[in-house]
Amino acid sequence: MNKLDDSFLATKDGDPYAFYEQLLARGEVLWDADLNGWLVTSYEACKEAMRQDDVLYDSPHKEGRKLLFGGTRAVPALKGAEHERSHGWWLTPLSPKRVAEWRATMIRPIVDACIDRFIQNGKAELAEELSERIPIRVITRLMGLPWQDDDFVDTYRRLNHQIVNVLNHRTHVDKHDKAGAERIMAEGAAAAKEIEEMITPFIMARKGGEGDDLISKFWRDGPRLLDDWNLSDVMANTRLMLQAGSDTTTYATSNAAYLMLTRAGLMEQLKGANEGQLSNFVEEVLRLHGPVHLRSRHAIADTTLAGCPFAKGETVMTNLADLRVKE
């Protein structure tokens, strides 16, 4: 077994890229004892793993999906034709054309409103006062939720962070500590219940499917996507969108600000950039400092990857942050 002496967990609150360099030098598939799983490092091995998703791998966090989404039929939990139909549906309301339209009518006013809160101070903690405030307000506005209500937005973010922390802790609880695992999951379930109590009235108010917000569209279009479409499915997709607006987009925005502030001359270049140049900058931010580093799977059968044997049930984590083609 190609076992690491240290762990990915040691990179917490630090720069992980030096660690990734060590991984690439060690091999394509490495055992991380603290994570209790395999780290997949190379471009070729990650591509192979991701392409075998429906055959060899599945998400090990089914109970986590329930906490995060409140239902079992959000897009990440679906397979086959159901996944294709649901994923295809999302490409219309979130198409590049629609997003471009929202840039002036929705996104920029929210950005300006967030900046107005601190501009008179002459300084700001950008991660907290900008990056964390913009994405969730854009998403809640799209959903038709009270995006201008700070109490609503901040309460949701607090509860969602609590759920994510619960799932992170649950991952590292000893599998023989049943009582500890149950206690941790109960904490997450309580936070999830509170979120559902917050947003259920808004979901039920849109049940007629007559509005242009995404919740109304869920009610209107959902029966074409999945049989027996119901409140649980609308809840799952609503919370999926809220989750997306609470974490990955926030982190990507923070990474963009970090690059602008640390790369000499970059901010000045961007001030005079055209639309195409700004789009290139966004693409480079996602390439250099993507918000998702590891993507977990688990083997649903004994198999091999890059010559390494996996036993059924073992966890596999593809490193998407530093993919390079093997020389």
Protein backbone atom coordinates (compact mmCIF):
# COMPACT_ATOMS: atom_id res chain seq x y z
CA MET A 1 0.00 0.00 0.00
CA ASN A 2 1.35 3.43 -0.97
CA LYS A 3 0.63 5.12 2.37
CA LEU A 4 1.15 8.79 3.22
CA ASP A 5 3.09 9.76 6.34
CA ASP A 6 1.02 12.92 6.67
CA SER A 7 -2.57 13.76 5.71
CA PHE A 8 -4.59 16.15 3.61
CA LEU A 9 -6.16 17.27 6.89
CA ALA A 10 -2.85 18.89 7.84
CA THR A 11 -3.46 21.53 5.13
CA LYS A 12 -6.47 22.98 6.98
CA ASP A 13 -6.26 26.79 7.19
CA GLY A 14 -3.13 26.76 5.06
CA ASP A 15 -1.98 26.60 1.43
CA PRO A 16 -2.50 22.99 0.25
CA TYR A 17 -0.62 23.26 -3.04
CA ALA A 18 2.77 22.30 -1.64
CA PHE A 19 1.11 19.17 -0.29
CA TYR A 20 -0.36 18.47 -3.72
CA GLU A 21 3.12 18.69 -5.22
CA GLN A 22 4.22 15.97 -2.82
CA LEU A 23 1.24 13.83 -3.77
CA LEU A 24 2.04 14.06 -7.46
CA ALA A 25 5.62 13.06 -6.77
CA ARG A 26 4.53 10.04 -4.70
CA GLY A 27 2.10 8.42 -7.10
CA GLU A 28 -1.32 8.46 -8.71
CA VAL A 29 -3.27 6.77 -5.89
CA LEU A 30 -2.24 7.17 -2.23
CA TRP A 31 -3.74 6.03 1.09
CA ASP A 32 -4.53 8.80 3.62
CA ALA A 33 -5.04 7.11 6.99
CA ASP A 34 -6.53 10.18 8.70
CA LEU A 35 -9.11 10.54 5.93
CA ASN A 36 -9.57 6.77 5.89
CA GLY A 37 -9.56 6.84 2.12
CA TRP A 38 -7.59 6.96 -1.11
CA LEU A 39 -6.38 10.23 -2.65
CA VAL A 40 -6.34 10.17 -6.44
CA THR A 41 -3.81 12.69 -7.75
CA SER A 42 -3.18 12.47 -11.49
CA TYR A 43 -5.29 13.84 -14.31
CA GLU A 44 -5.57 10.42 -15.95
CA ALA A 45 -6.63 8.61 -12.78
CA CYS A 46 -9.13 11.32 -11.79
CA LYS A 47 -10.63 11.27 -15.28
CA GLU A 48 -10.96 7.50 -15.13
CA ALA A 49 -12.62 7.65 -11.71
CA MET A 50 -15.08 10.39 -12.67
CA ARG A 51 -16.09 8.66 -15.89
CA GLN A 52 -16.97 5.46 -14.03
CA ASP A 53 -19.36 7.23 -11.66
CA ASP A 54 -22.43 5.10 -12.38
CA VAL A 55 -20.48 1.85 -12.58
CA LEU A 56 -17.89 1.81 -9.83
CA TYR A 57 -18.45 4.77 -7.55
CA ASP A 58 -21.22 6.46 -5.65
CA SER A 59 -21.36 9.22 -3.07
CA PRO A 60 -20.72 7.83 0.43
CA HIS A 61 -22.78 10.59 2.04
CA LYS A 62 -26.38 9.55 1.38
CA GLU A 63 -27.37 10.55 4.89
CA GLY A 64 -25.55 13.82 4.31
CA ARG A 65 -27.63 14.51 1.21
CA LYS A 66 -30.75 14.33 3.32
CA LEU A 67 -29.32 16.89 5.74
CA LEU A 68 -28.05 19.21 3.00
CA PHE A 69 -31.04 19.05 0.65
CA GLY A 70 -33.99 17.92 2.77
CA GLY A 71 -35.03 15.36 0.16
CA THR A 72 -33.63 12.39 -1.70
CA ARG A 73 -34.22 13.54 -5.28
CA ALA A 74 -31.98 16.57 -5.76
CA VAL A 75 -29.86 16.32 -8.91
CA PRO A 76 -26.70 14.97 -7.16
CA ALA A 77 -28.70 11.99 -5.86
CA LEU A 78 -30.26 10.99 -9.18
CA LYS A 79 -28.99 8.50 -11.74
CA GLY A 80 -29.64 7.49 -15.31
CA ALA A 81 -32.54 9.04 -17.22
CA GLU A 82 -33.83 10.87 -14.15
CA HIS A 83 -30.47 12.58 -13.71
CA GLU A 84 -30.27 13.49 -17.39
CA ARG A 85 -33.75 15.04 -17.43
CA SER A 86 -33.23 16.99 -14.21
CA HIS A 87 -29.72 18.14 -15.13
CA GLY A 88 -30.94 19.19 -18.57
CA TRP A 89 -33.73 21.25 -17.02
CA TRP A 90 -31.25 23.32 -15.00
CA LEU A 91 -29.44 24.34 -18.19
CA THR A 92 -32.40 26.53 -19.22
CA PRO A 93 -33.08 28.76 -16.17
CA LEU A 94 -29.33 29.05 -15.50
CA SER A 95 -28.17 29.39 -19.11
CA PRO A 96 -25.28 31.77 -19.92
CA LYS A 97 -27.77 34.04 -21.72
CA ARG A 98 -30.01 34.33 -18.65
CA VAL A 99 -27.04 34.92 -16.35
CA ALA A 100 -25.78 37.66 -18.67
CA GLU A 101 -29.20 39.33 -18.45
CA TRP A 102 -29.13 39.17 -14.64
CA ARG A 103 -25.69 40.78 -14.48
CA ALA A 104 -27.07 44.30 -14.90
CA THR A 105 -30.59 43.84 -13.54
CA MET A 106 -29.91 41.70 -10.48
CA ILE A 107 -26.29 40.88 -9.69
CA ARG A 108 -24.69 44.32 -10.01
CA PRO A 109 -27.33 46.04 -7.81
CA ILE A 110 -26.73 43.42 -5.11
CA VAL A 111 -22.96 43.91 -5.38
CA ASP A 112 -23.38 47.68 -5.16
CA ALA A 113 -25.68 47.35 -2.14
CA CYS A 114 -23.13 45.16 -0.33
CA ILE A 115 -20.31 47.61 -1.08
CA ASP A 116 -22.44 50.54 0.10
CA ARG A 117 -22.50 48.96 3.55
CA PHE A 118 -18.78 49.41 4.12
CA ILE A 119 -17.52 51.94 1.56
CA GLN A 120 -17.67 54.83 4.05
CA ASN A 121 -15.44 52.89 6.46
CA GLY A 122 -12.52 52.97 4.06
CA LYS A 123 -11.76 49.31 4.75
CA ALA A 124 -13.49 45.93 4.79
CA GLU A 125 -12.95 42.27 5.50
CA LEU A 126 -13.81 41.23 1.94
CA ALA A 127 -14.44 37.53 2.57
CA GLU A 128 -17.06 38.28 5.19
CA GLU A 129 -18.47 41.60 4.01
CA LEU A 130 -18.51 40.94 0.27
CA SER A 131 -17.93 37.34 -0.79
CA GLU A 132 -20.25 35.84 1.83
CA ARG A 133 -23.02 38.35 1.21
CA ILE A 134 -23.32 38.45 -2.58
CA PRO A 135 -23.91 34.84 -3.78
CA ILE A 136 -26.53 33.88 -1.19
CA ARG A 137 -28.52 37.06 -1.90
CA VAL A 138 -28.43 36.43 -5.65
CA ILE A 139 -29.67 32.89 -5.10
CA THR A 140 -32.40 33.84 -2.63
CA ARG A 141 -33.61 36.51 -5.04
CA LEU A 142 -33.76 33.96 -7.88
CA MET A 143 -35.73 31.64 -5.63
CA GLY A 144 -38.18 34.37 -4.68
CA LEU A 145 -37.07 34.28 -1.04
CA PRO A 146 -36.58 37.41 1.13
CA TRP A 147 -33.08 38.25 -0.06
CA GLN A 148 -33.10 41.72 1.52
CA ASP A 149 -33.95 40.32 4.96
CA ASP A 150 -30.60 40.09 6.76
CA ASP A 151 -32.07 38.02 9.57
CA PHE A 152 -33.42 35.42 7.11
CA VAL A 153 -30.19 35.23 5.09
CA ASP A 154 -27.85 35.20 8.09
CA THR A 155 -29.93 32.60 9.93
CA TYR A 156 -29.88 30.33 6.88
CA ARG A 157 -26.12 30.70 6.48
CA ARG A 158 -25.54 29.93 10.16
CA LEU A 159 -27.68 26.78 10.04
CA ASN A 160 -26.15 25.63 6.76
CA HIS A 161 -22.62 26.03 8.14
CA GLN A 162 -23.71 24.02 11.15
CA ILE A 163 -24.87 21.18 8.90
CA VAL A 164 -21.65 21.23 6.85
CA ASN A 165 -19.57 21.15 10.04
CA VAL A 166 -21.64 18.24 11.33
CA LEU A 167 -21.00 16.28 8.13
CA ASN A 168 -17.29 17.04 8.25
CA HIS A 169 -17.10 15.83 11.85
CA ARG A 170 -19.22 12.78 11.06
CA THR A 171 -16.72 11.74 8.41
CA HIS A 172 -13.99 11.44 11.04
CA VAL A 173 -15.97 9.80 13.83
CA ASP A 174 -14.72 6.29 14.52
CA LYS A 175 -17.05 3.85 12.77
CA HIS A 176 -17.37 1.90 16.03
CA ASP A 177 -18.52 5.00 17.97
CA LYS A 178 -22.21 4.58 17.15
CA ALA A 179 -23.38 6.86 19.96
CA GLY A 180 -21.03 9.66 18.85
CA ALA A 181 -22.17 9.36 15.24
CA GLU A 182 -25.83 9.45 16.23
CA ARG A 183 -25.29 12.51 18.41
CA ILE A 184 -23.53 14.41 15.64
CA MET A 185 -26.18 13.54 13.07
CA ALA A 186 -28.93 14.62 15.49
CA GLU A 187 -27.32 18.06 15.68
CA GLY A 188 -27.39 18.29 11.89
CA ALA A 189 -30.98 17.08 11.72
CA ALA A 190 -32.06 19.82 14.14
CA ALA A 191 -30.43 22.51 11.96
CA ALA A 192 -31.98 21.01 8.81
CA LYS A 193 -35.42 21.02 10.41
CA GLU A 194 -35.05 24.68 11.31
CA ILE A 195 -34.12 25.53 7.70
CA GLU A 196 -37.15 23.65 6.40
CA GLU A 197 -39.41 25.51 8.82
CA MET A 198 -37.99 28.79 7.48
CA ILE A 199 -38.57 28.11 3.80
CA THR A 200 -41.64 25.83 3.74
CA PRO A 201 -44.12 28.75 3.90
CA PHE A 202 -42.50 30.31 0.81
CA ILE A 203 -42.53 26.98 -1.05
CA MET A 204 -46.19 26.36 -0.28
CA ALA A 205 -47.12 29.90 -1.32
CA ARG A 206 -45.74 29.17 -4.82
CA LYS A 207 -47.49 25.80 -5.24
CA GLY A 208 -49.61 27.21 -8.05
CA GLY A 209 -46.46 27.53 -10.16
CA GLU A 210 -47.48 30.88 -11.58
CA GLY A 211 -44.44 33.00 -10.78
CA ASP A 212 -41.12 33.52 -12.60
CA ASP A 213 -39.02 32.60 -9.56
CA LEU A 214 -37.29 29.21 -9.43
CA ILE A 215 -39.53 27.78 -6.72
CA SER A 216 -42.58 28.43 -8.92
CA LYS A 217 -40.75 26.80 -11.82
CA PHE A 218 -39.99 23.74 -9.67
CA TRP A 219 -43.70 23.29 -9.02
CA ARG A 220 -44.62 23.96 -12.66
CA ASP A 221 -41.99 21.83 -14.42
CA GLY A 222 -41.15 19.18 -11.84
CA PRO A 223 -43.87 16.67 -12.82
CA ARG A 224 -42.26 16.40 -16.26
CA LEU A 225 -38.93 15.48 -14.67
CA LEU A 226 -39.80 12.94 -11.99
CA ASP A 227 -42.79 10.74 -11.24
CA ASP A 228 -44.79 11.60 -8.12
CA TRP A 229 -43.28 15.07 -7.89
CA ASN A 230 -44.05 16.48 -4.45
CA LEU A 231 -43.16 18.94 -1.71
CA SER A 232 -40.08 16.92 -0.75
CA ASP A 233 -38.71 17.28 -4.29
CA VAL A 234 -39.30 21.04 -4.37
CA MET A 235 -37.63 21.31 -0.97
CA ALA A 236 -34.64 19.26 -2.16
CA ASN A 237 -34.04 21.43 -5.22
CA THR A 238 -34.62 24.67 -3.32
CA ARG A 239 -32.07 23.69 -0.71
CA LEU A 240 -29.67 22.49 -3.41
CA MET A 241 -29.69 25.99 -4.89
CA LEU A 242 -29.29 27.62 -1.50
CA GLN A 243 -26.38 25.30 -0.71
CA ALA A 244 -24.70 26.22 -3.99
CA GLY A 245 -25.08 29.90 -3.15
CA SER A 246 -23.67 29.47 0.32
CA ASP A 247 -20.36 27.70 -0.26
CA THR A 248 -18.69 27.14 -3.62
CA THR A 249 -19.62 30.51 -5.18
CA THR A 250 -18.62 32.30 -1.99
CA TYR A 251 -15.23 30.59 -1.97
CA ALA A 252 -14.66 31.27 -5.68
CA THR A 253 -15.46 34.96 -5.14
CA SER A 254 -13.00 35.12 -2.22
CA ASN A 255 -10.34 33.47 -4.36
CA ALA A 256 -10.87 36.04 -7.10
CA ALA A 257 -10.45 38.88 -4.59
CA TYR A 258 -7.30 37.21 -3.24
CA LEU A 259 -5.73 37.06 -6.70
CA MET A 260 -6.61 40.69 -7.46
CA LEU A 261 -5.03 41.84 -4.21
CA THR A 262 -1.87 39.71 -4.38
CA ARG A 263 -0.92 39.70 -8.09
CA ALA A 264 1.00 42.87 -8.92
CA GLY A 265 -0.78 45.02 -11.50
CA LEU A 266 -3.74 42.67 -11.90
CA MET A 267 -6.33 44.98 -10.37
CA GLU A 268 -5.32 47.84 -12.65
CA GLN A 269 -5.56 45.57 -15.68
CA LEU A 270 -9.04 44.44 -14.69
CA LYS A 271 -10.29 48.00 -14.19
CA GLY A 272 -9.84 48.62 -17.90
CA ALA A 273 -10.77 45.12 -19.06
CA ASN A 274 -13.50 44.37 -21.57
CA GLU A 275 -16.13 41.65 -21.18
CA GLY A 276 -13.99 38.95 -22.78
CA GLN A 277 -10.99 39.74 -20.61
CA LEU A 278 -13.11 39.63 -17.46
CA SER A 279 -14.50 36.25 -18.51
CA ASN A 280 -10.95 34.98 -19.01
CA PHE A 281 -10.06 36.17 -15.52
CA VAL A 282 -12.99 34.24 -14.03
CA GLU A 283 -11.94 31.11 -15.92
CA GLU A 284 -8.38 31.45 -14.63
CA VAL A 285 -9.60 31.90 -11.05
CA LEU A 286 -11.57 28.68 -11.32
CA ARG A 287 -8.58 26.90 -12.87
CA LEU A 288 -5.95 28.11 -10.42
CA HIS A 289 -8.00 28.28 -7.23
CA GLY A 290 -11.16 26.26 -7.73
CA PRO A 291 -13.51 26.09 -4.71
CA VAL A 292 -13.81 22.28 -4.81
CA HIS A 293 -10.61 20.36 -4.15
CA LEU A 294 -11.71 16.82 -3.31
CA ARG A 295 -14.68 14.90 -4.69
CA SER A 296 -15.56 11.78 -2.70
CA ARG A 297 -16.73 8.45 -4.09
CA HIS A 298 -16.82 4.94 -2.72
CA ALA A 299 -16.27 1.68 -4.51
CA ILE A 300 -19.49 -0.29 -4.99
CA ALA A 301 -17.44 -3.32 -6.06
CA ASP A 302 -13.86 -4.55 -5.81
CA THR A 303 -11.98 -2.76 -8.57
CA THR A 304 -8.70 -1.15 -9.59
CA LEU A 305 -7.68 2.36 -10.60
CA ALA A 306 -4.28 3.26 -12.02
CA GLY A 307 -3.11 -0.21 -11.03
CA CYS A 308 -4.24 0.18 -7.41
CA PRO A 309 -6.81 -2.32 -6.07
CA PHE A 310 -9.81 -0.99 -4.14
CA ALA A 311 -12.06 -3.09 -1.94
CA LYS A 312 -15.81 -2.67 -2.07
CA GLY A 313 -16.89 0.13 0.27
CA GLU A 314 -13.54 1.96 0.37
CA THR A 315 -13.61 5.72 -0.05
CA VAL A 316 -11.94 7.35 -3.04
CA MET A 317 -11.27 11.11 -3.23
CA THR A 318 -10.30 12.66 -6.53
CA ASN A 319 -8.11 15.75 -6.21
CA LEU A 320 -9.63 18.25 -8.64
CA ALA A 321 -7.54 21.21 -7.49
CA ASP A 322 -4.24 20.40 -9.15
CA LEU A 323 -4.91 18.15 -12.12
CA ARG A 324 -2.01 17.71 -14.50
CA VAL A 325 -1.49 15.50 -17.49
CA LYS A 326 1.13 12.85 -16.77
CA GLU A 327 4.41 13.60 -18.50
